[in-house]
């Protein structure tokens, strides 16, 4: 799993039938404090995440293990919205 921040959306009117009505969000990997560190990538949103939220993502074959993405041609999925992060006993992020 990777921590990522939702930074945008992707719109695609022509796509595989298994992706119809699925929200595709642009996310970017972050460090444990929520600072962007990676390259942006597209992930299928399975939980209703919004722009700016810190989320947990899964990639590769693990991305096809949710009820929504099973047997679907996806490589990344958003599977949780992060409420808080604690590192070394200190809260470094809390959803407002």
N, C-alpha and C. Protein backbone atom coordinates (compact mmCIF):
# COMPACT_ATOMS: atom_id res chain seq x y z
N UNK A 1 0.84 -1.18 0.00
CA UNK A 1 0.00 0.00 0.00
C UNK A 1 0.89 1.24 0.00
N UNK A 2 0.37 2.28 -0.64
CA UNK A 2 1.05 3.56 -0.68
C UNK A 2 0.13 4.64 -0.16
N UNK A 3 0.71 5.63 0.52
CA UNK A 3 -0.03 6.83 0.90
C UNK A 3 0.04 7.76 -0.29
N UNK A 4 -1.11 8.35 -0.65
CA UNK A 4 -1.15 9.26 -1.79
C UNK A 4 -2.15 10.37 -1.51
N UNK A 5 -2.02 11.46 -2.28
CA UNK A 5 -2.96 12.57 -2.20
C UNK A 5 -3.70 12.67 -3.53
N UNK A 6 -5.01 12.85 -3.46
CA UNK A 6 -5.80 13.05 -4.67
C UNK A 6 -5.52 14.46 -5.18
N UNK A 7 -5.06 14.55 -6.45
CA UNK A 7 -4.70 15.85 -7.00
C UNK A 7 -5.53 16.23 -8.23
N UNK A 8 -6.41 15.33 -8.67
CA UNK A 8 -7.23 15.67 -9.83
C UNK A 8 -8.11 14.52 -10.27
N UNK A 9 -8.79 14.72 -11.37
CA UNK A 9 -9.69 13.71 -11.91
C UNK A 9 -9.34 13.40 -13.36
N UNK A 10 -9.78 12.25 -13.83
CA UNK A 10 -9.60 11.85 -15.21
C UNK A 10 -10.98 11.57 -15.79
N UNK A 11 -11.25 12.10 -16.98
CA UNK A 11 -12.52 11.84 -17.65
C UNK A 11 -12.24 11.04 -18.91
N UNK A 12 -12.94 9.93 -19.07
CA UNK A 12 -12.78 9.09 -20.24
C UNK A 12 -14.16 8.59 -20.67
N UNK A 13 -14.62 9.03 -21.82
CA UNK A 13 -15.95 8.63 -22.28
C UNK A 13 -15.93 7.28 -22.99
N UNK A 14 -14.80 6.91 -23.55
CA UNK A 14 -14.67 5.62 -24.22
C UNK A 14 -13.67 4.80 -23.41
N UNK A 15 -14.15 3.67 -22.84
CA UNK A 15 -13.29 2.84 -22.00
C UNK A 15 -13.85 1.43 -21.93
N UNK A 16 -13.07 0.54 -21.37
CA UNK A 16 -13.52 -0.84 -21.17
C UNK A 16 -14.85 -0.84 -20.44
N UNK A 17 -15.75 -1.73 -20.83
CA UNK A 17 -17.09 -1.75 -20.22
C UNK A 17 -17.07 -1.98 -18.72
N UNK A 18 -16.03 -2.62 -18.20
CA UNK A 18 -15.95 -2.85 -16.75
C UNK A 18 -15.56 -1.58 -15.98
N UNK A 19 -15.14 -0.54 -16.71
CA UNK A 19 -14.78 0.73 -16.06
C UNK A 19 -15.88 1.78 -16.19
N UNK A 20 -16.96 1.45 -16.89
CA UNK A 20 -18.06 2.39 -17.04
C UNK A 20 -18.63 2.71 -15.66
N UNK A 21 -18.87 3.97 -15.41
CA UNK A 21 -19.40 4.53 -14.16
C UNK A 21 -18.40 4.45 -13.00
N UNK A 22 -17.15 4.17 -13.27
CA UNK A 22 -16.11 4.17 -12.23
C UNK A 22 -15.40 5.53 -12.25
N UNK A 23 -15.20 6.11 -11.06
CA UNK A 23 -14.50 7.38 -10.95
C UNK A 23 -13.00 7.11 -11.00
N UNK A 24 -12.31 7.83 -11.88
CA UNK A 24 -10.87 7.71 -12.03
C UNK A 24 -10.22 8.99 -11.51
N UNK A 25 -9.39 8.85 -10.48
CA UNK A 25 -8.75 10.00 -9.87
C UNK A 25 -7.26 10.00 -10.12
N UNK A 26 -6.70 11.19 -10.21
CA UNK A 26 -5.25 11.33 -10.33
C UNK A 26 -4.71 11.50 -8.91
N UNK A 27 -3.77 10.64 -8.53
CA UNK A 27 -3.18 10.69 -7.21
C UNK A 27 -1.66 10.77 -7.34
N UNK A 28 -1.02 11.23 -6.29
CA UNK A 28 0.44 11.32 -6.27
C UNK A 28 0.92 10.78 -4.93
N UNK A 29 1.89 9.90 -4.98
CA UNK A 29 2.43 9.32 -3.76
C UNK A 29 2.97 10.41 -2.85
N UNK A 30 2.82 10.20 -1.53
CA UNK A 30 3.35 11.15 -0.55
C UNK A 30 4.25 10.43 0.44
N UNK A 31 4.96 11.20 1.22
CA UNK A 31 5.70 10.62 2.34
C UNK A 31 4.74 10.49 3.53
N UNK A 32 5.26 10.07 4.67
CA UNK A 32 4.40 9.85 5.83
C UNK A 32 3.83 11.13 6.43
N UNK A 33 4.31 12.27 5.97
CA UNK A 33 3.79 13.55 6.44
C UNK A 33 2.85 14.20 5.43
N UNK A 34 2.59 13.50 4.32
CA UNK A 34 1.66 14.01 3.31
C UNK A 34 2.28 14.89 2.25
N UNK A 35 3.62 14.97 2.22
CA UNK A 35 4.31 15.77 1.20
C UNK A 35 4.45 14.95 -0.08
N UNK A 36 4.10 15.54 -1.23
CA UNK A 36 4.17 14.84 -2.51
C UNK A 36 5.61 14.43 -2.82
N UNK A 37 5.81 13.17 -3.21
CA UNK A 37 7.16 12.70 -3.52
C UNK A 37 7.22 11.88 -4.82
N UNK A 38 6.12 11.44 -5.31
CA UNK A 38 6.14 10.55 -6.47
C UNK A 38 5.54 11.17 -7.70
N UNK A 39 5.47 10.35 -8.73
CA UNK A 39 4.85 10.77 -9.98
C UNK A 39 3.35 10.53 -9.90
N UNK A 40 2.56 11.40 -10.51
CA UNK A 40 1.11 11.18 -10.52
C UNK A 40 0.74 9.90 -11.26
N UNK A 41 -0.34 9.27 -10.81
CA UNK A 41 -0.88 8.10 -11.51
C UNK A 41 -2.39 8.08 -11.32
N UNK A 42 -3.07 7.32 -12.15
CA UNK A 42 -4.53 7.23 -12.11
C UNK A 42 -4.93 6.00 -11.31
N UNK A 43 -5.91 6.17 -10.43
CA UNK A 43 -6.41 5.06 -9.62
C UNK A 43 -7.94 5.06 -9.65
N UNK A 44 -8.52 3.87 -9.65
CA UNK A 44 -9.97 3.73 -9.57
C UNK A 44 -10.37 4.00 -8.13
N UNK A 45 -11.35 4.89 -7.96
CA UNK A 45 -11.83 5.24 -6.62
C UNK A 45 -12.96 4.31 -6.24
N UNK A 46 -12.77 3.53 -5.17
CA UNK A 46 -13.81 2.59 -4.74
C UNK A 46 -14.57 3.09 -3.51
N UNK A 47 -14.21 4.28 -2.99
CA UNK A 47 -14.79 4.70 -1.71
C UNK A 47 -15.32 6.13 -1.66
N UNK A 48 -15.23 6.87 -2.74
CA UNK A 48 -15.75 8.23 -2.75
C UNK A 48 -14.78 9.28 -2.26
N UNK A 49 -13.50 9.12 -2.58
CA UNK A 49 -12.49 10.10 -2.18
C UNK A 49 -12.67 11.39 -2.98
N UNK A 50 -12.18 12.49 -2.40
CA UNK A 50 -12.29 13.78 -3.05
C UNK A 50 -10.95 14.45 -3.23
N UNK A 51 -10.95 15.51 -4.00
CA UNK A 51 -9.73 16.25 -4.29
C UNK A 51 -9.07 16.74 -3.00
N UNK A 52 -7.77 16.54 -2.90
CA UNK A 52 -6.99 16.98 -1.75
C UNK A 52 -6.91 15.98 -0.61
N UNK A 53 -7.71 14.92 -0.65
CA UNK A 53 -7.71 13.96 0.45
C UNK A 53 -6.48 13.06 0.40
N UNK A 54 -6.04 12.65 1.57
CA UNK A 54 -4.96 11.69 1.72
C UNK A 54 -5.61 10.30 1.74
N UNK A 55 -5.10 9.40 0.90
CA UNK A 55 -5.73 8.09 0.72
C UNK A 55 -4.69 6.98 0.76
N UNK A 56 -5.18 5.75 0.92
CA UNK A 56 -4.34 4.56 0.76
C UNK A 56 -4.65 3.95 -0.60
N UNK A 57 -3.60 3.60 -1.31
CA UNK A 57 -3.77 2.99 -2.62
C UNK A 57 -3.09 1.62 -2.64
N UNK A 58 -3.52 0.82 -3.58
CA UNK A 58 -2.89 -0.46 -3.82
C UNK A 58 -2.67 -0.56 -5.32
N UNK A 59 -1.61 -1.25 -5.72
CA UNK A 59 -1.28 -1.32 -7.15
C UNK A 59 -1.01 -2.76 -7.57
N UNK A 60 -0.97 -2.97 -8.86
CA UNK A 60 -0.70 -4.29 -9.41
C UNK A 60 -1.87 -5.22 -9.21
N UNK A 61 -1.58 -6.51 -9.06
CA UNK A 61 -2.65 -7.50 -8.94
C UNK A 61 -3.50 -7.26 -7.69
N UNK A 62 -2.94 -6.64 -6.66
CA UNK A 62 -3.71 -6.34 -5.45
C UNK A 62 -4.83 -5.34 -5.73
N UNK A 63 -4.66 -4.51 -6.74
CA UNK A 63 -5.69 -3.52 -7.09
C UNK A 63 -6.95 -4.18 -7.63
N UNK A 64 -6.85 -5.42 -8.03
CA UNK A 64 -8.00 -6.14 -8.58
C UNK A 64 -8.65 -7.06 -7.54
N UNK A 65 -8.41 -6.78 -6.27
CA UNK A 65 -8.94 -7.63 -5.21
C UNK A 65 -10.15 -7.03 -4.49
N UNK A 66 -10.57 -5.81 -4.82
CA UNK A 66 -11.75 -5.23 -4.18
C UNK A 66 -13.00 -5.74 -4.88
N UNK A 67 -14.13 -5.63 -4.22
CA UNK A 67 -15.40 -6.07 -4.82
C UNK A 67 -15.69 -5.30 -6.11
N UNK A 68 -15.31 -4.04 -6.16
CA UNK A 68 -15.59 -3.21 -7.33
C UNK A 68 -14.62 -3.48 -8.47
N UNK A 69 -13.37 -3.82 -8.17
CA UNK A 69 -12.35 -3.95 -9.23
C UNK A 69 -12.03 -5.39 -9.60
N UNK A 70 -12.70 -6.36 -9.00
CA UNK A 70 -12.43 -7.77 -9.31
C UNK A 70 -12.62 -8.03 -10.80
N UNK A 71 -11.64 -8.67 -11.42
CA UNK A 71 -11.67 -9.01 -12.85
C UNK A 71 -11.82 -7.77 -13.74
N UNK A 72 -11.24 -6.66 -13.30
CA UNK A 72 -11.29 -5.40 -14.05
C UNK A 72 -9.86 -5.00 -14.43
N UNK A 73 -9.68 -4.42 -15.61
CA UNK A 73 -8.33 -4.05 -16.05
C UNK A 73 -7.81 -2.77 -15.38
N UNK A 74 -7.46 -2.89 -14.10
CA UNK A 74 -6.93 -1.75 -13.36
C UNK A 74 -5.56 -2.09 -12.78
N UNK A 75 -4.75 -1.07 -12.59
CA UNK A 75 -3.44 -1.26 -11.99
C UNK A 75 -3.30 -0.53 -10.66
N UNK A 76 -4.25 0.37 -10.35
CA UNK A 76 -4.19 1.08 -9.08
C UNK A 76 -5.61 1.35 -8.59
N UNK A 77 -5.80 1.29 -7.27
CA UNK A 77 -7.10 1.49 -6.67
C UNK A 77 -6.96 2.30 -5.39
N UNK A 78 -7.93 3.18 -5.14
CA UNK A 78 -8.02 3.88 -3.86
C UNK A 78 -8.96 3.06 -3.00
N UNK A 79 -8.47 2.62 -1.83
CA UNK A 79 -9.27 1.72 -1.01
C UNK A 79 -9.54 2.25 0.39
N UNK A 80 -8.99 3.43 0.73
CA UNK A 80 -9.26 4.01 2.04
C UNK A 80 -8.94 5.50 2.03
N UNK A 81 -9.70 6.25 2.81
CA UNK A 81 -9.40 7.66 3.06
C UNK A 81 -8.77 7.73 4.45
N UNK A 82 -7.62 8.38 4.55
CA UNK A 82 -6.88 8.44 5.81
C UNK A 82 -7.46 9.52 6.71
N UNK A 83 -7.77 9.14 7.96
CA UNK A 83 -8.25 10.10 8.96
C UNK A 83 -7.09 10.74 9.71
N UNK A 84 -6.07 9.93 10.03
CA UNK A 84 -4.91 10.48 10.73
C UNK A 84 -3.71 9.57 10.51
N UNK A 85 -2.52 10.16 10.66
CA UNK A 85 -1.26 9.42 10.59
C UNK A 85 -0.46 9.74 11.83
N UNK A 86 0.07 8.71 12.47
CA UNK A 86 0.93 8.88 13.63
C UNK A 86 2.28 8.25 13.32
N UNK A 87 3.35 9.02 13.48
CA UNK A 87 4.70 8.55 13.22
C UNK A 87 5.55 8.80 14.46
N UNK A 88 6.21 7.77 14.95
CA UNK A 88 7.06 7.88 16.14
C UNK A 88 6.31 8.50 17.31
N UNK A 89 5.06 8.12 17.49
CA UNK A 89 4.27 8.60 18.61
C UNK A 89 3.71 10.01 18.45
N UNK A 90 3.92 10.63 17.29
CA UNK A 90 3.44 11.99 17.07
C UNK A 90 2.48 12.00 15.89
N UNK A 91 1.33 12.64 16.07
CA UNK A 91 0.36 12.75 14.98
C UNK A 91 0.90 13.77 13.97
N UNK A 92 1.15 13.30 12.74
CA UNK A 92 1.70 14.17 11.71
C UNK A 92 0.65 14.61 10.70
N UNK A 93 -0.52 13.96 10.74
CA UNK A 93 -1.63 14.34 9.87
C UNK A 93 -2.94 14.00 10.55
N UNK A 94 -3.87 14.91 10.50
CA UNK A 94 -5.23 14.66 10.96
C UNK A 94 -6.19 15.34 10.00
N UNK A 95 -7.13 14.57 9.49
CA UNK A 95 -8.12 15.10 8.56
C UNK A 95 -8.96 16.14 9.29
N UNK A 96 -9.11 17.31 8.67
CA UNK A 96 -9.88 18.38 9.34
C UNK A 96 -11.34 18.31 9.02
